[in-house]
């Protein structure tokens, strides 16, 4: 009996240590000419920034980018793209420094992308440059849009950038909460069974 109870406690403890899955976020940006970028990404929002950006999906005027997309960071210090650093994606557009680009066209940090891009979208904010640019090329069409950005576009009324939780839900208990509940129920059951055995 003690051995099975110990096994249950160990199982519940291991379940509690499993990491919570990353949240899904929707984003959008509208260029001055009305062209629109929409998409989604996964990650963990901490202090207004998305950490561990992944599973990026992008649409340009409703047309999806092809292929797997890389989320690349722009370093204001080196003024280069760096795929080894997590892309800087924020709730505030004025803090964004990222490039979402077709992984098949990415070369390295010295060149942003190759000539045969199928899709890219970037936002840069630093003391040298503030801009947003999107490109979608294919044999059938070519779309591009570019903005030089001013702070009011981002953080004031009518902001052009939006990043929101895809499926907001009410507070969901953490795995540790469920573990404590199950351990408590198990101990109550164990105590009740012991009492029954003592009474018999």
Protein backbone atom coordinates (compact mmCIF):
# COMPACT_ATOMS: atom_id res chain seq x y z
CA UNK A 1 0.00 0.00 0.00
CA UNK A 2 2.76 2.44 0.97
CA UNK A 3 4.68 1.60 -2.23
CA UNK A 4 1.68 2.32 -4.47
CA UNK A 5 1.00 5.59 -2.64
CA UNK A 6 4.65 6.58 -3.13
CA UNK A 7 4.37 5.78 -6.85
CA UNK A 8 1.26 7.98 -7.16
CA UNK A 9 2.97 10.88 -5.40
CA UNK A 10 6.03 10.54 -7.68
CA UNK A 11 3.82 10.49 -10.79
CA UNK A 12 1.95 13.60 -9.69
CA UNK A 13 5.19 15.39 -8.90
CA UNK A 14 6.57 14.62 -12.38
CA UNK A 15 3.36 15.92 -13.98
CA UNK A 16 3.73 19.16 -12.05
CA UNK A 17 7.21 19.70 -13.48
CA UNK A 18 6.01 19.57 -17.11
CA UNK A 19 6.38 23.00 -18.77
CA UNK A 20 3.24 24.89 -19.74
CA UNK A 21 2.79 25.21 -23.51
CA UNK A 22 3.52 28.54 -25.18
CA UNK A 23 0.61 30.89 -25.82
CA UNK A 24 -0.65 31.81 -29.30
CA UNK A 25 -0.65 35.52 -30.26
CA UNK A 26 -2.18 37.32 -33.24
CA UNK A 27 -0.41 40.33 -34.71
CA UNK A 28 -1.17 42.88 -37.40
CA UNK A 29 0.40 45.93 -39.02
CA UNK A 30 -1.23 48.33 -41.49
CA UNK A 31 0.99 50.30 -43.85
CA UNK A 32 0.29 53.90 -44.89
CA UNK A 33 -0.99 52.77 -48.30
CA UNK A 34 -3.51 50.39 -46.67
CA UNK A 35 -1.55 47.17 -47.25
CA UNK A 36 -1.98 44.88 -44.27
CA UNK A 37 0.15 42.27 -42.57
CA UNK A 38 -1.63 39.79 -40.30
CA UNK A 39 -0.35 36.65 -38.66
CA UNK A 40 0.29 34.65 -35.54
CA UNK A 41 3.17 33.38 -33.45
CA UNK A 42 3.75 31.40 -30.28
CA UNK A 43 5.76 32.41 -27.25
CA UNK A 44 5.69 33.54 -23.64
CA UNK A 45 4.78 37.17 -22.91
CA UNK A 46 7.06 38.61 -20.21
CA UNK A 47 7.10 42.33 -19.38
CA UNK A 48 5.58 43.26 -22.74
CA UNK A 49 7.99 41.14 -24.83
CA UNK A 50 7.38 37.72 -26.40
CA UNK A 51 10.10 35.26 -25.44
CA UNK A 52 10.87 32.06 -27.37
CA UNK A 53 9.11 33.24 -30.54
CA UNK A 54 8.09 30.31 -32.71
CA UNK A 55 5.60 28.94 -35.24
CA UNK A 56 5.36 32.27 -37.08
CA UNK A 57 2.63 32.57 -39.73
CA UNK A 58 2.33 35.72 -41.89
CA UNK A 59 -0.23 36.92 -44.46
CA UNK A 60 0.23 39.92 -46.75
CA UNK A 61 -3.16 41.29 -47.84
CA UNK A 62 -4.60 37.86 -47.01
CA UNK A 63 -1.99 35.89 -49.00
CA UNK A 64 0.10 33.58 -46.78
CA UNK A 65 3.88 33.49 -46.86
CA UNK A 66 5.12 30.11 -48.10
CA UNK A 67 7.55 27.81 -46.37
CA UNK A 68 8.73 27.72 -42.76
CA UNK A 69 9.44 31.19 -41.39
CA UNK A 70 12.44 32.27 -39.35
CA UNK A 71 12.07 34.86 -36.60
CA UNK A 72 15.34 36.83 -36.75
CA UNK A 73 16.49 39.64 -34.44
CA UNK A 74 17.85 43.02 -35.55
CA UNK A 75 20.64 44.32 -33.35
CA UNK A 76 20.67 48.13 -33.06
CA UNK A 77 24.29 47.92 -31.84
CA UNK A 78 25.74 46.01 -34.78
CA UNK A 79 23.03 47.13 -37.23
CA UNK A 80 22.80 43.54 -38.50
CA UNK A 81 20.29 40.70 -38.48
CA UNK A 82 21.15 37.86 -36.11
CA UNK A 83 19.36 34.52 -36.32
CA UNK A 84 21.07 33.30 -33.13
CA UNK A 85 19.14 35.78 -30.96
CA UNK A 86 15.42 35.62 -30.19
CA UNK A 87 13.47 38.11 -32.31
CA UNK A 88 12.42 41.23 -30.37
CA UNK A 89 8.63 41.25 -30.60
CA UNK A 90 6.72 43.55 -28.26
CA UNK A 91 3.20 44.66 -27.46
CA UNK A 92 4.49 48.16 -28.32
CA UNK A 93 5.42 48.50 -31.97
CA UNK A 94 8.09 51.09 -31.15
CA UNK A 95 10.12 48.38 -29.41
CA UNK A 96 10.04 45.83 -32.23
CA UNK A 97 13.28 44.70 -33.89
CA UNK A 98 12.51 41.59 -35.92
CA UNK A 99 12.48 39.99 -39.35
CA UNK A 100 10.06 37.21 -40.29
CA UNK A 101 11.51 35.61 -43.41
CA UNK A 102 11.14 32.43 -45.45
CA UNK A 103 13.75 30.05 -44.01
CA UNK A 104 14.57 28.80 -47.51
CA UNK A 105 15.79 32.26 -48.56
CA UNK A 106 17.78 33.11 -45.41
CA UNK A 107 21.54 33.18 -45.99
CA UNK A 108 23.34 34.49 -42.89
CA UNK A 109 23.73 37.56 -40.70
CA UNK A 110 25.82 39.41 -43.28
CA UNK A 111 23.06 39.28 -45.90
CA UNK A 112 19.45 39.65 -44.82
CA UNK A 113 17.95 37.42 -47.49
CA UNK A 114 18.44 36.11 -51.00
CA UNK A 115 17.05 37.55 -54.22
CA UNK A 116 14.44 34.80 -54.57
CA UNK A 117 12.47 35.66 -51.44
CA UNK A 118 8.97 34.33 -51.21
CA UNK A 119 8.09 36.47 -48.21
CA UNK A 120 9.49 38.74 -45.53
CA UNK A 121 8.24 41.29 -43.00
CA UNK A 122 10.42 43.39 -40.75
CA UNK A 123 10.17 46.19 -38.21
CA UNK A 124 13.27 48.14 -37.12
CA UNK A 125 13.47 50.70 -34.32
CA UNK A 126 16.75 52.33 -33.33
CA UNK A 127 18.43 55.73 -33.38
CA UNK A 128 19.51 55.28 -37.01
CA UNK A 129 16.36 53.86 -38.54
CA UNK A 130 12.65 53.38 -37.81
CA UNK A 131 10.89 51.45 -40.54
CA UNK A 132 8.62 48.61 -41.52
CA UNK A 133 8.81 46.69 -44.78
CA UNK A 134 7.02 43.73 -46.31
CA UNK A 135 7.62 41.78 -49.50
CA UNK A 136 5.78 38.85 -51.02
CA UNK A 137 7.05 37.56 -54.35
CA UNK A 138 5.96 34.64 -56.44
CA UNK A 139 5.73 33.84 -60.17
CA UNK A 140 2.14 35.10 -60.13
CA UNK A 141 2.46 38.33 -58.15
CA UNK A 142 4.72 40.81 -56.42
CA UNK A 143 3.55 42.78 -53.38
CA UNK A 144 5.60 45.22 -51.36
CA UNK A 145 4.96 48.02 -48.88
CA UNK A 146 7.21 50.26 -46.82
CA UNK A 147 6.78 52.83 -44.04
CA UNK A 148 9.16 55.18 -42.32
CA UNK A 149 7.80 55.14 -38.80
CA UNK A 150 7.05 57.79 -36.24
CA UNK A 151 6.42 56.98 -32.56
CA UNK A 152 2.83 58.19 -32.70
CA UNK A 153 1.99 55.39 -35.13
CA UNK A 154 2.70 52.78 -32.51
CA UNK A 155 1.80 53.72 -29.03
CA UNK A 156 -0.89 56.36 -29.45
CA UNK A 157 -4.51 56.15 -30.56
CA UNK A 158 -4.92 54.39 -33.89
CA UNK A 159 -1.71 52.38 -33.51
CA UNK A 160 -0.66 50.56 -36.66
CA UNK A 161 0.80 47.58 -34.77
CA UNK A 162 -1.25 45.15 -32.71
CA UNK A 163 -0.22 42.06 -30.73
CA UNK A 164 -2.94 40.25 -28.79
CA UNK A 165 -3.52 36.89 -27.15
CA UNK A 166 -5.32 34.68 -29.68
CA UNK A 167 -7.74 32.95 -27.31
CA UNK A 168 -7.91 34.82 -24.03
CA UNK A 169 -9.49 32.69 -21.32
CA UNK A 170 -10.14 33.19 -17.66
CA UNK A 171 -7.37 32.21 -15.27
CA UNK A 172 -6.30 28.62 -15.86
CA UNK A 173 -4.81 26.78 -12.88
CA UNK A 174 -1.15 25.88 -13.22
CA UNK A 175 -0.16 22.18 -13.28
CA UNK A 176 1.12 22.55 -9.72
CA UNK A 177 -2.41 23.45 -8.57
CA UNK A 178 -3.82 20.26 -10.06
CA UNK A 179 -1.00 18.26 -8.47
CA UNK A 180 -1.71 19.65 -5.02
CA UNK A 181 -5.42 18.92 -5.48
CA UNK A 182 -4.76 15.32 -6.53
CA UNK A 183 -2.23 14.73 -3.75
CA UNK A 184 -4.74 16.14 -1.24
CA UNK A 185 -7.50 13.88 -2.54
CA UNK A 186 -5.15 10.92 -2.45
CA UNK A 187 -4.20 11.61 1.17
CA UNK A 188 -7.86 11.98 2.15
CA UNK A 189 -8.61 8.64 0.51
CA UNK A 190 -5.62 7.01 2.17
CA UNK A 191 -6.68 8.35 5.59
CA UNK A 192 -10.27 7.21 5.10
CA UNK A 193 -9.12 3.71 4.12
CA UNK A 194 -6.82 3.48 7.16
CA UNK A 195 -9.66 4.47 9.45
CA UNK A 196 -11.89 1.86 7.85
CA UNK A 197 -9.18 -0.79 8.35
CA UNK A 198 -8.73 0.25 12.01
CA UNK A 199 -12.48 0.15 12.66
CA UNK A 200 -12.76 -3.36 11.22
